[in-house]
């Protein structure tokens, strides 16, 4: 993705946060319920959304050392995540059987929005992913939270605290699937 496109996506995300169109994580309530699945990603299959979240978690877990020390909302981290996600796939099947091409601009905007709202260190998220047993389990538990509004007990408290405090994972799942 070109750096100009990333700048536009990041600026759009920051404007959305500033204008109150997207609530920052600082205003998140610890025990807020996840949105209903129908409103999150009505035409995204569980498999496609989980694959997108796996790619996102893999990108965070495999981020270079110099990025691990930065927060998710750092411009360089956002650019890295966009590049890493762009290679994750190009088409997905929806619940109704149609095949859609991934909208990489939409995916980039969703990643930029998520990152802009979350000044969490990359290393902390990578550690949470590792403690769960890897990106596949992270994606499975995150999608379960997005769809059903709860975290399975086996995911642990640190993961539960993370997904309840952040916003935008549902946007990443639906836009990048």
Protein backbone atom coordinates (compact mmCIF):
# COMPACT_ATOMS: atom_id res chain seq x y z
CA UNK A 1 0.00 0.00 0.00
CA UNK A 2 1.38 3.41 -0.88
CA UNK A 3 2.36 5.67 1.99
CA UNK A 4 -0.08 8.34 0.75
CA UNK A 5 -2.95 5.85 1.02
CA UNK A 6 -1.86 4.94 4.53
CA UNK A 7 -1.69 8.61 5.50
CA UNK A 8 -5.21 9.12 4.17
CA UNK A 9 -6.48 6.06 6.08
CA UNK A 10 -4.78 7.17 9.29
CA UNK A 11 -6.09 10.72 8.91
CA UNK A 12 -9.61 9.42 8.27
CA UNK A 13 -9.41 7.25 11.38
CA UNK A 14 -8.15 10.14 13.49
CA UNK A 15 -10.89 12.44 12.20
CA UNK A 16 -13.49 9.77 13.03
CA UNK A 17 -12.12 9.54 16.56
CA UNK A 18 -11.94 13.32 16.94
CA UNK A 19 -15.50 13.85 15.70
CA UNK A 20 -16.81 11.12 17.96
CA UNK A 21 -17.73 8.79 15.12
CA UNK A 22 -15.50 6.15 16.70
CA UNK A 23 -15.11 5.88 20.44
CA UNK A 24 -11.53 5.71 21.66
CA UNK A 25 -10.44 2.85 23.91
CA UNK A 26 -10.01 5.29 26.79
CA UNK A 27 -13.79 5.57 26.95
CA UNK A 28 -14.38 1.82 26.76
CA UNK A 29 -16.30 0.29 29.62
CA UNK A 30 -14.59 -2.78 31.06
CA UNK A 31 -17.62 -5.03 30.72
CA UNK A 32 -19.27 -3.74 27.58
CA UNK A 33 -21.00 -6.32 25.44
CA UNK A 34 -19.81 -6.99 21.94
CA UNK A 35 -22.13 -5.93 19.14
CA UNK A 36 -24.46 -8.57 17.77
CA UNK A 37 -23.01 -10.62 14.94
CA UNK A 38 -25.67 -9.44 12.51
CA UNK A 39 -24.58 -5.84 12.90
CA UNK A 40 -20.83 -6.57 12.90
CA UNK A 41 -20.30 -8.53 9.71
CA UNK A 42 -23.57 -9.77 8.22
CA UNK A 43 -22.04 -11.19 5.04
CA UNK A 44 -18.74 -12.45 6.41
CA UNK A 45 -18.43 -16.12 7.18
CA UNK A 46 -16.90 -17.30 10.42
CA UNK A 47 -14.03 -18.85 8.47
CA UNK A 48 -13.27 -15.65 6.54
CA UNK A 49 -13.42 -13.43 9.63
CA UNK A 50 -11.27 -15.83 11.63
CA UNK A 51 -8.73 -15.94 8.78
CA UNK A 52 -8.57 -12.13 8.74
CA UNK A 53 -8.05 -11.99 12.51
CA UNK A 54 -5.40 -14.74 12.25
CA UNK A 55 -3.54 -12.69 9.65
CA UNK A 56 -3.79 -9.62 11.85
CA UNK A 57 -2.54 -11.50 14.93
CA UNK A 58 0.26 -13.15 12.91
CA UNK A 59 1.38 -9.72 11.68
CA UNK A 60 1.49 -8.40 15.26
CA UNK A 61 3.27 -11.48 16.57
CA UNK A 62 5.85 -11.37 13.75
CA UNK A 63 6.47 -7.61 13.86
CA UNK A 64 10.17 -6.73 13.77
CA UNK A 65 11.87 -5.99 17.09
CA UNK A 66 12.05 -2.24 16.49
CA UNK A 67 8.23 -2.18 16.05
CA UNK A 68 7.62 -4.32 19.14
CA UNK A 69 8.76 -1.36 21.24
CA UNK A 70 6.18 0.97 19.66
CA UNK A 71 2.46 1.37 20.24
CA UNK A 72 -0.16 0.11 17.80
CA UNK A 73 -1.05 3.70 16.93
CA UNK A 74 2.47 4.50 15.70
CA UNK A 75 2.51 5.41 11.98
CA UNK A 76 5.28 2.90 11.22
CA UNK A 77 3.33 0.10 12.93
CA UNK A 78 0.19 0.96 10.96
CA UNK A 79 2.16 0.88 7.70
CA UNK A 80 3.70 -2.47 8.65
CA UNK A 81 0.30 -3.98 9.54
CA UNK A 82 -1.20 -2.80 6.26
CA UNK A 83 1.65 -4.34 4.27
CA UNK A 84 1.46 -7.59 6.24
CA UNK A 85 -2.32 -7.87 5.87
CA UNK A 86 -2.31 -7.08 2.16
CA UNK A 87 -0.66 -10.41 1.41
CA UNK A 88 -3.10 -12.43 3.52
CA UNK A 89 -5.58 -13.28 0.77
CA UNK A 90 -7.59 -11.79 -2.06
CA UNK A 91 -11.03 -13.38 -2.09
CA UNK A 92 -13.48 -14.79 0.44
CA UNK A 93 -16.75 -16.67 0.36
CA UNK A 94 -19.65 -15.07 2.21
CA UNK A 95 -22.41 -16.81 4.13
CA UNK A 96 -24.70 -16.61 1.11
CA UNK A 97 -22.15 -18.37 -1.14
CA UNK A 98 -20.95 -15.37 -3.13
CA UNK A 99 -17.26 -14.60 -3.48
CA UNK A 100 -16.01 -11.11 -2.74
CA UNK A 101 -12.68 -9.49 -3.48
CA UNK A 102 -11.02 -8.05 -0.42
CA UNK A 103 -11.21 -4.27 -0.33
CA UNK A 104 -7.64 -3.42 0.71
CA UNK A 105 -8.45 0.26 1.10
CA UNK A 106 -11.28 -0.65 3.47
CA UNK A 107 -9.02 -3.10 5.27
CA UNK A 108 -6.32 -0.42 5.58
CA UNK A 109 -8.84 2.05 6.98
CA UNK A 110 -10.06 -0.55 9.50
CA UNK A 111 -6.49 -1.29 10.61
CA UNK A 112 -5.68 2.42 10.86
CA UNK A 113 -8.87 3.03 12.87
CA UNK A 114 -8.13 0.16 15.23
CA UNK A 115 -4.54 1.31 15.70
CA UNK A 116 -5.46 4.98 16.14
CA UNK A 117 -7.86 4.06 18.92
CA UNK A 118 -5.41 1.79 20.73
CA UNK A 119 -2.12 3.10 22.08
CA UNK A 120 -1.24 -0.37 23.31
CA UNK A 121 2.36 -1.57 22.90
CA UNK A 122 2.80 -4.07 20.08
CA UNK A 123 4.87 -6.25 22.42
CA UNK A 124 1.98 -6.50 24.89
CA UNK A 125 -0.44 -7.66 22.21
CA UNK A 126 2.18 -10.10 20.87
CA UNK A 127 2.65 -11.46 24.41
CA UNK A 128 -1.12 -11.96 24.80
CA UNK A 129 -1.23 -13.79 21.45
CA UNK A 130 1.70 -15.98 22.53
CA UNK A 131 0.15 -16.79 25.92
CA UNK A 132 -3.01 -17.99 24.17
CA UNK A 133 -0.98 -20.43 22.11
CA UNK A 134 -0.69 -18.45 18.88
CA UNK A 135 -2.61 -16.42 16.36
CA UNK A 136 -5.15 -19.16 15.50
CA UNK A 137 -6.45 -19.31 19.07
CA UNK A 138 -6.34 -15.51 19.33
CA UNK A 139 -8.49 -15.24 16.20
CA UNK A 140 -10.92 -17.93 17.38
CA UNK A 141 -11.42 -16.30 20.79
CA UNK A 142 -11.58 -12.76 19.37
CA UNK A 143 -14.22 -13.74 16.80
CA UNK A 144 -16.22 -15.54 19.52
CA UNK A 145 -16.14 -12.33 21.57
CA UNK A 146 -17.19 -10.20 18.59
CA UNK A 147 -20.07 -12.53 17.68
CA UNK A 148 -21.29 -13.68 21.07
CA UNK A 149 -20.14 -10.99 23.48
CA UNK A 150 -18.17 -13.21 25.82
CA UNK A 151 -14.70 -14.62 26.18
CA UNK A 152 -14.29 -18.35 26.84
CA UNK A 153 -12.73 -18.95 30.29
CA UNK A 154 -9.83 -20.86 28.73
CA UNK A 155 -8.71 -17.65 26.99
CA UNK A 156 -7.71 -16.16 30.34
CA UNK A 157 -8.24 -12.84 32.06
CA UNK A 158 -5.52 -10.89 30.25
CA UNK A 159 -7.08 -11.68 26.86
CA UNK A 160 -10.55 -10.87 28.22
CA UNK A 161 -9.32 -7.50 29.52
CA UNK A 162 -7.66 -6.78 26.17
CA UNK A 163 -10.66 -7.51 23.92
CA UNK A 164 -13.11 -5.77 26.24
CA UNK A 165 -10.95 -2.63 26.31
CA UNK A 166 -10.16 -2.30 22.60
CA UNK A 167 -12.48 -1.33 19.84
CA UNK A 168 -12.17 -1.94 16.15
CA UNK A 169 -11.40 -5.67 16.01
CA UNK A 170 -14.85 -6.22 14.54
CA UNK A 171 -14.02 -3.68 11.81
CA UNK A 172 -10.73 -5.44 11.05
CA UNK A 173 -12.53 -8.80 10.91
CA UNK A 174 -15.23 -7.60 8.51
CA UNK A 175 -13.17 -5.22 6.35
CA UNK A 176 -10.14 -7.48 5.94
CA UNK A 177 -12.02 -10.76 5.53
